[in-house]
Amino acid sequence: MSIPPPPFEPADFDERCETCHAPPGQLCQAWCDTGYTAEDARADAERHDAHRDAKPPAP
């Protein structure tokens, strides 16, 4: 059983990737397994779209 990675912290987006040295907020190299991946970007986009499409709470 694998342990899920810890959640991202705001400071994580201010640092280069430890493995491939990709700039902050950019996708890591294809061979890198430690940083921000295309899968992460897709998940972020889906969350953003879901939040945008959600109806505002009723008063």
PDB file of N, CA and C in Angstrom:
ATOM      1  N   MET A   1       0.849  -1.173   0.000  1.00  0.00           N
ATOM      2  CA  MET A   1       0.000   0.000   0.000  1.00  0.00           C
ATOM      3  C   MET A   1       0.891   1.230   0.000  1.00  0.00           C
ATOM      4  N   SER A   2       0.589   2.168  -0.877  1.00  0.00           N
ATOM      5  CA  SER A   2       1.407   3.377  -0.938  1.00  0.00           C
ATOM      6  C   SER A   2       0.711   4.512  -0.188  1.00  0.00           C
ATOM      7  N   ILE A   3       1.525   5.371   0.333  1.00  0.00           N
ATOM      8  CA  ILE A   3       1.022   6.536   1.065  1.00  0.00           C
ATOM      9  C   ILE A   3       0.864   7.679   0.077  1.00  0.00           C
ATOM     10  N   PRO A   4      -0.292   8.364   0.064  1.00  0.00           N
ATOM     11  CA  PRO A   4      -0.453   9.471  -0.876  1.00  0.00           C
ATOM     12  C   PRO A   4       0.519  10.605  -0.536  1.00  0.00           C
ATOM     13  N   PRO A   5       0.937  11.344  -1.546  1.00  0.00           N
ATOM     14  CA  PRO A   5       1.866  12.441  -1.276  1.00  0.00           C
ATOM     15  C   PRO A   5       1.181  13.523  -0.445  1.00  0.00           C
ATOM     16  N   PRO A   6       1.954  14.298   0.285  1.00  0.00           N
ATOM     17  CA  PRO A   6       1.349  15.374   1.069  1.00  0.00           C
ATOM     18  C   PRO A   6       0.757  16.425   0.130  1.00  0.00           C
ATOM     19  N   PRO A   7      -0.210  17.191   0.597  1.00  0.00           N
ATOM     20  CA  PRO A   7      -0.798  18.221  -0.265  1.00  0.00           C
ATOM     21  C   PRO A   7       0.236  19.300  -0.590  1.00  0.00           C
ATOM     22  N   PHE A   8       0.024  19.962  -1.723  1.00  0.00           N
ATOM     23  CA  PHE A   8       0.907  21.056  -2.090  1.00  0.00           C
ATOM     24  C   PHE A   8       0.757  22.207  -1.111  1.00  0.00           C
ATOM     25  N   GLU A   9       1.842  22.848  -0.812  1.00  0.00           N
ATOM     26  CA  GLU A   9       1.865  24.054   0.012  1.00  0.00           C
ATOM     27  C   GLU A   9       2.124  25.234  -0.919  1.00  0.00           C
ATOM     28  N   PRO A  10       1.658  26.441  -0.592  1.00  0.00           N
ATOM     29  CA  PRO A  10       1.926  27.597  -1.461  1.00  0.00           C
ATOM     30  C   PRO A  10       3.410  27.782  -1.768  1.00  0.00           C
ATOM     31  N   ALA A  11       4.274  27.498  -0.821  1.00  0.00           N
ATOM     32  CA  ALA A  11       5.716  27.663  -1.044  1.00  0.00           C
ATOM     33  C   ALA A  11       6.243  26.693  -2.088  1.00  0.00           C
ATOM     34  N   ASP A  12       5.536  25.573  -2.312  1.00  0.00           N
ATOM     35  CA  ASP A  12       5.985  24.603  -3.305  1.00  0.00           C
ATOM     36  C   ASP A  12       6.007  25.204  -4.710  1.00  0.00           C
ATOM     37  N   PHE A  13       5.179  26.213  -4.938  1.00  0.00           N
ATOM     38  CA  PHE A  13       5.089  26.818  -6.261  1.00  0.00           C
ATOM     39  C   PHE A  13       6.086  27.949  -6.458  1.00  0.00           C
ATOM     40  N   ASP A  14       6.927  28.200  -5.463  1.00  0.00           N
ATOM     41  CA  ASP A  14       7.951  29.234  -5.559  1.00  0.00           C
ATOM     42  C   ASP A  14       9.335  28.650  -5.763  1.00  0.00           C
ATOM     43  N   GLU A  15       9.437  27.332  -5.838  1.00  0.00           N
ATOM     44  CA  GLU A  15      10.729  26.667  -5.933  1.00  0.00           C
ATOM     45  C   GLU A  15      10.806  25.847  -7.205  1.00  0.00           C
ATOM     46  N   ARG A  16      12.032  25.683  -7.699  1.00  0.00           N
ATOM     47  CA  ARG A  16      12.266  24.810  -8.849  1.00  0.00           C
ATOM     48  C   ARG A  16      12.087  23.358  -8.407  1.00  0.00           C
ATOM     49  N   CYS A  17      11.795  22.480  -9.382  1.00  0.00           N
ATOM     50  CA  CYS A  17      11.701  21.054  -9.089  1.00  0.00           C
ATOM     51  C   CYS A  17      13.053  20.559  -8.591  1.00  0.00           C
ATOM     52  N   GLU A  18      13.032  19.725  -7.573  1.00  0.00           N
ATOM     53  CA  GLU A  18      14.268  19.207  -6.997  1.00  0.00           C
ATOM     54  C   GLU A  18      15.002  18.267  -7.945  1.00  0.00           C
ATOM     55  N   THR A  19      14.264  17.594  -8.833  1.00  0.00           N
ATOM     56  CA  THR A  19      14.872  16.590  -9.697  1.00  0.00           C
ATOM     57  C   THR A  19      15.293  17.146 -11.052  1.00  0.00           C
ATOM     58  N   CYS A  20      14.355  17.778 -11.772  1.00  0.00           N
ATOM     59  CA  CYS A  20      14.666  18.227 -13.136  1.00  0.00           C
ATOM     60  C   CYS A  20      14.893  19.731 -13.232  1.00  0.00           C
ATOM     61  N   HIS A  21      14.708  20.438 -12.134  1.00  0.00           N
ATOM     62  CA  HIS A  21      14.940  21.887 -12.049  1.00  0.00           C
ATOM     63  C   HIS A  21      14.010  22.708 -12.950  1.00  0.00           C
ATOM     64  N   ALA A  22      12.798  22.192 -13.198  1.00  0.00           N
ATOM     65  CA  ALA A  22      11.819  22.958 -13.965  1.00  0.00           C
ATOM     66  C   ALA A  22      11.477  24.223 -13.178  1.00  0.00           C
ATOM     67  N   PRO A  23      11.242  25.334 -13.866  1.00  0.00           N
ATOM     68  CA  PRO A  23      10.915  26.585 -13.180  1.00  0.00           C
ATOM     69  C   PRO A  23       9.622  26.465 -12.369  1.00  0.00           C
ATOM     70  N   PRO A  24       9.453  27.316 -11.355  1.00  0.00           N
ATOM     71  CA  PRO A  24       8.240  27.275 -10.538  1.00  0.00           C
ATOM     72  C   PRO A  24       6.975  27.392 -11.383  1.00  0.00           C
ATOM     73  N   GLY A  25       5.997  26.560 -11.086  1.00  0.00           N
ATOM     74  CA  GLY A  25       4.711  26.601 -11.771  1.00  0.00           C
ATOM     75  C   GLY A  25       4.697  25.987 -13.156  1.00  0.00           C
ATOM     76  N   GLN A  26       5.822  25.451 -13.619  1.00  0.00           N
ATOM     77  CA  GLN A  26       5.893  24.845 -14.945  1.00  0.00           C
ATOM     78  C   GLN A  26       5.868  23.323 -14.829  1.00  0.00           C
ATOM     79  N   LEU A  27       5.472  22.677 -15.908  1.00  0.00           N
ATOM     80  CA  LEU A  27       5.493  21.218 -15.932  1.00  0.00           C
ATOM     81  C   LEU A  27       6.931  20.731 -15.870  1.00  0.00           C
ATOM     82  N   CYS A  28       7.119  19.612 -15.200  1.00  0.00           N
ATOM     83  CA  CYS A  28       8.440  19.002 -15.128  1.00  0.00           C
ATOM     84  C   CYS A  28       8.774  18.327 -16.451  1.00  0.00           C
ATOM     85  N   GLN A  29      10.025  17.926 -16.586  1.00  0.00           N
ATOM     86  CA  GLN A  29      10.450  17.170 -17.754  1.00  0.00           C
ATOM     87  C   GLN A  29       9.701  15.842 -17.785  1.00  0.00           C
ATOM     88  N   ALA A  30       9.551  15.260 -18.967  1.00  0.00           N
ATOM     89  CA  ALA A  30       8.785  14.022 -19.120  1.00  0.00           C
ATOM     90  C   ALA A  30       9.343  12.891 -18.267  1.00  0.00           C
ATOM     91  N   TRP A  31      10.640  12.849 -18.053  1.00  0.00           N
ATOM     92  CA  TRP A  31      11.263  11.765 -17.297  1.00  0.00           C
ATOM     93  C   TRP A  31      11.183  11.976 -15.787  1.00  0.00           C
ATOM     94  N   CYS A  32      10.768  13.142 -15.355  1.00  0.00           N
ATOM     95  CA  CYS A  32      10.762  13.474 -13.926  1.00  0.00           C
ATOM     96  C   CYS A  32       9.524  12.891 -13.236  1.00  0.00           C
ATOM     97  N   ASP A  33       9.747  12.227 -12.106  1.00  0.00           N
ATOM     98  CA  ASP A  33       8.616  11.627 -11.393  1.00  0.00           C
ATOM     99  C   ASP A  33       8.354  12.295 -10.045  1.00  0.00           C
ATOM    100  N   THR A  34       8.930  13.473  -9.810  1.00  0.00           N
ATOM    101  CA  THR A  34       8.763  14.092  -8.497  1.00  0.00           C
ATOM    102  C   THR A  34       8.007  15.407  -8.515  1.00  0.00           C
ATOM    103  N   GLY A  35       7.840  16.031  -9.666  1.00  0.00           N
ATOM    104  CA  GLY A  35       7.273  17.372  -9.690  1.00  0.00           C
ATOM    105  C   GLY A  35       5.896  17.457 -10.299  1.00  0.00           C
ATOM    106  N   TYR A  36       5.571  18.649 -10.768  1.00  0.00           N
ATOM    107  CA  TYR A  36       4.276  18.965 -11.356  1.00  0.00           C
ATOM    108  C   TYR A  36       4.183  18.295 -12.712  1.00  0.00           C
ATOM    109  N   THR A  37       3.193  17.449 -12.879  1.00  0.00           N
ATOM    110  CA  THR A  37       3.070  16.655 -14.097  1.00  0.00           C
ATOM    111  C   THR A  37       1.878  17.106 -14.932  1.00  0.00           C
ATOM    112  N   ALA A  38       1.790  16.586 -16.138  1.00  0.00           N
ATOM    113  CA  ALA A  38       0.637  16.871 -16.984  1.00  0.00           C
ATOM    114  C   ALA A  38      -0.636  16.390 -16.310  1.00  0.00           C
ATOM    115  N   GLU A  39      -0.564  15.266 -15.591  1.00  0.00           N
ATOM    116  CA  GLU A  39      -1.727  14.760 -14.861  1.00  0.00           C
ATOM    117  C   GLU A  39      -2.167  15.763 -13.788  1.00  0.00           C
ATOM    118  N   ASP A  40      -1.206  16.363 -13.092  1.00  0.00           N
ATOM    119  CA  ASP A  40      -1.526  17.399 -12.108  1.00  0.00           C
ATOM    120  C   ASP A  40      -2.207  18.591 -12.780  1.00  0.00           C
ATOM    121  N   ALA A  41      -1.691  18.995 -13.931  1.00  0.00           N
ATOM    122  CA  ALA A  41      -2.261  20.131 -14.651  1.00  0.00           C
ATOM    123  C   ALA A  41      -3.696  19.830 -15.077  1.00  0.00           C
ATOM    124  N   ARG A  42      -3.940  18.607 -15.573  1.00  0.00           N
ATOM    125  CA  ARG A  42      -5.300  18.222 -15.957  1.00  0.00           C
ATOM    126  C   ARG A  42      -6.230  18.249 -14.752  1.00  0.00           C
ATOM    127  N   ALA A  43      -5.786  17.713 -13.623  1.00  0.00           N
ATOM    128  CA  ALA A  43      -6.614  17.698 -12.417  1.00  0.00           C
ATOM    129  C   ALA A  43      -6.916  19.120 -11.956  1.00  0.00           C
ATOM    130  N   ASP A  44      -5.916  20.006 -12.006  1.00  0.00           N
ATOM    131  CA  ASP A  44      -6.142  21.411 -11.634  1.00  0.00           C
ATOM    132  C   ASP A  44      -7.171  22.056 -12.555  1.00  0.00           C
ATOM    133  N   ALA A  45      -7.061  21.789 -13.852  1.00  0.00           N
ATOM    134  CA  ALA A  45      -7.999  22.359 -14.821  1.00  0.00           C
ATOM    135  C   ALA A  45      -9.410  21.850 -14.576  1.00  0.00           C
ATOM    136  N   GLU A  46      -9.545  20.550 -14.279  1.00  0.00           N
ATOM    137  CA  GLU A  46     -10.864  19.986 -13.998  1.00  0.00           C
ATOM    138  C   GLU A  46     -11.469  20.602 -12.744  1.00  0.00           C
ATOM    139  N   ARG A  47     -10.658  20.779 -11.702  1.00  0.00           N
ATOM    140  CA  ARG A  47     -11.163  21.407 -10.473  1.00  0.00           C
ATOM    141  C   ARG A  47     -11.581  22.846 -10.743  1.00  0.00           C
ATOM    142  N   HIS A  48     -10.787  23.551 -11.533  1.00  0.00           N
ATOM    143  CA  HIS A  48     -11.103  24.944 -11.862  1.00  0.00           C
ATOM    144  C   HIS A  48     -12.428  25.015 -12.636  1.00  0.00           C
ATOM    145  N   ASP A  49     -12.584  24.124 -13.632  1.00  0.00           N
ATOM    146  CA  ASP A  49     -13.811  24.108 -14.416  1.00  0.00           C
ATOM    147  C   ASP A  49     -15.016  23.753 -13.552  1.00  0.00           C
ATOM    148  N   ALA A  50     -14.859  22.784 -12.666  1.00  0.00           N
ATOM    149  CA  ALA A  50     -15.967  22.379 -11.803  1.00  0.00           C
ATOM    150  C   ALA A  50     -16.364  23.525 -10.876  1.00  0.00           C
ATOM    151  N   HIS A  51     -15.377  24.237 -10.363  1.00  0.00           N
ATOM    152  CA  HIS A  51     -15.660  25.359  -9.470  1.00  0.00           C
ATOM    153  C   HIS A  51     -16.356  26.494 -10.240  1.00  0.00           C
ATOM    154  N   ARG A  52     -15.902  26.749 -11.467  1.00  0.00           N
ATOM    155  CA  ARG A  52     -16.477  27.803 -12.284  1.00  0.00           C
ATOM    156  C   ARG A  52     -17.922  27.471 -12.664  1.00  0.00           C
ATOM    157  N   ASP A  53     -18.192  26.181 -12.932  1.00  0.00           N
ATOM    158  CA  ASP A  53     -19.524  25.773 -13.364  1.00  0.00           C
ATOM    159  C   ASP A  53     -20.493  25.570 -12.197  1.00  0.00           C
ATOM    160  N   ALA A  54     -19.981  25.552 -10.979  1.00  0.00           N
ATOM    161  CA  ALA A  54     -20.853  25.340  -9.818  1.00  0.00           C
ATOM    162  C   ALA A  54     -21.744  26.561  -9.607  1.00  0.00           C
ATOM    163  N   LYS A  55     -22.954  26.290  -9.201  1.00  0.00           N
ATOM    164  CA  LYS A  55     -23.890  27.374  -8.937  1.00  0.00           C
ATOM    165  C   LYS A  55     -23.541  28.041  -7.616  1.00  0.00           C
ATOM    166  N   PRO A  56     -23.678  29.344  -7.534  1.00  0.00           N
ATOM    167  CA  PRO A  56     -23.407  30.020  -6.260  1.00  0.00           C
ATOM    168  C   PRO A  56     -24.432  29.587  -5.214  1.00  0.00           C
ATOM    169  N   PRO A  57     -24.049  29.599  -3.945  1.00  0.00           N
ATOM    170  CA  PRO A  57     -24.999  29.189  -2.901  1.00  0.00           C
ATOM    171  C   PRO A  57     -26.185  30.141  -2.820  1.00  0.00           C
ATOM    172  N   ALA A  58     -27.339  29.562  -2.541  1.00  0.00           N
ATOM    173  CA  ALA A  58     -28.554  30.372  -2.414  1.00  0.00           C
ATOM    174  C   ALA A  58     -28.493  31.202  -1.128  1.00  0.00           C
ATOM    175  N   PRO A  59     -29.001  32.427  -1.172  1.00  0.00           N
ATOM    176  CA  PRO A  59     -28.952  33.280   0.034  1.00  0.00           C
ATOM    177  C   PRO A  59     -29.845  32.803   1.140  1.00  0.00           C
TER     178      PRO A  59
END
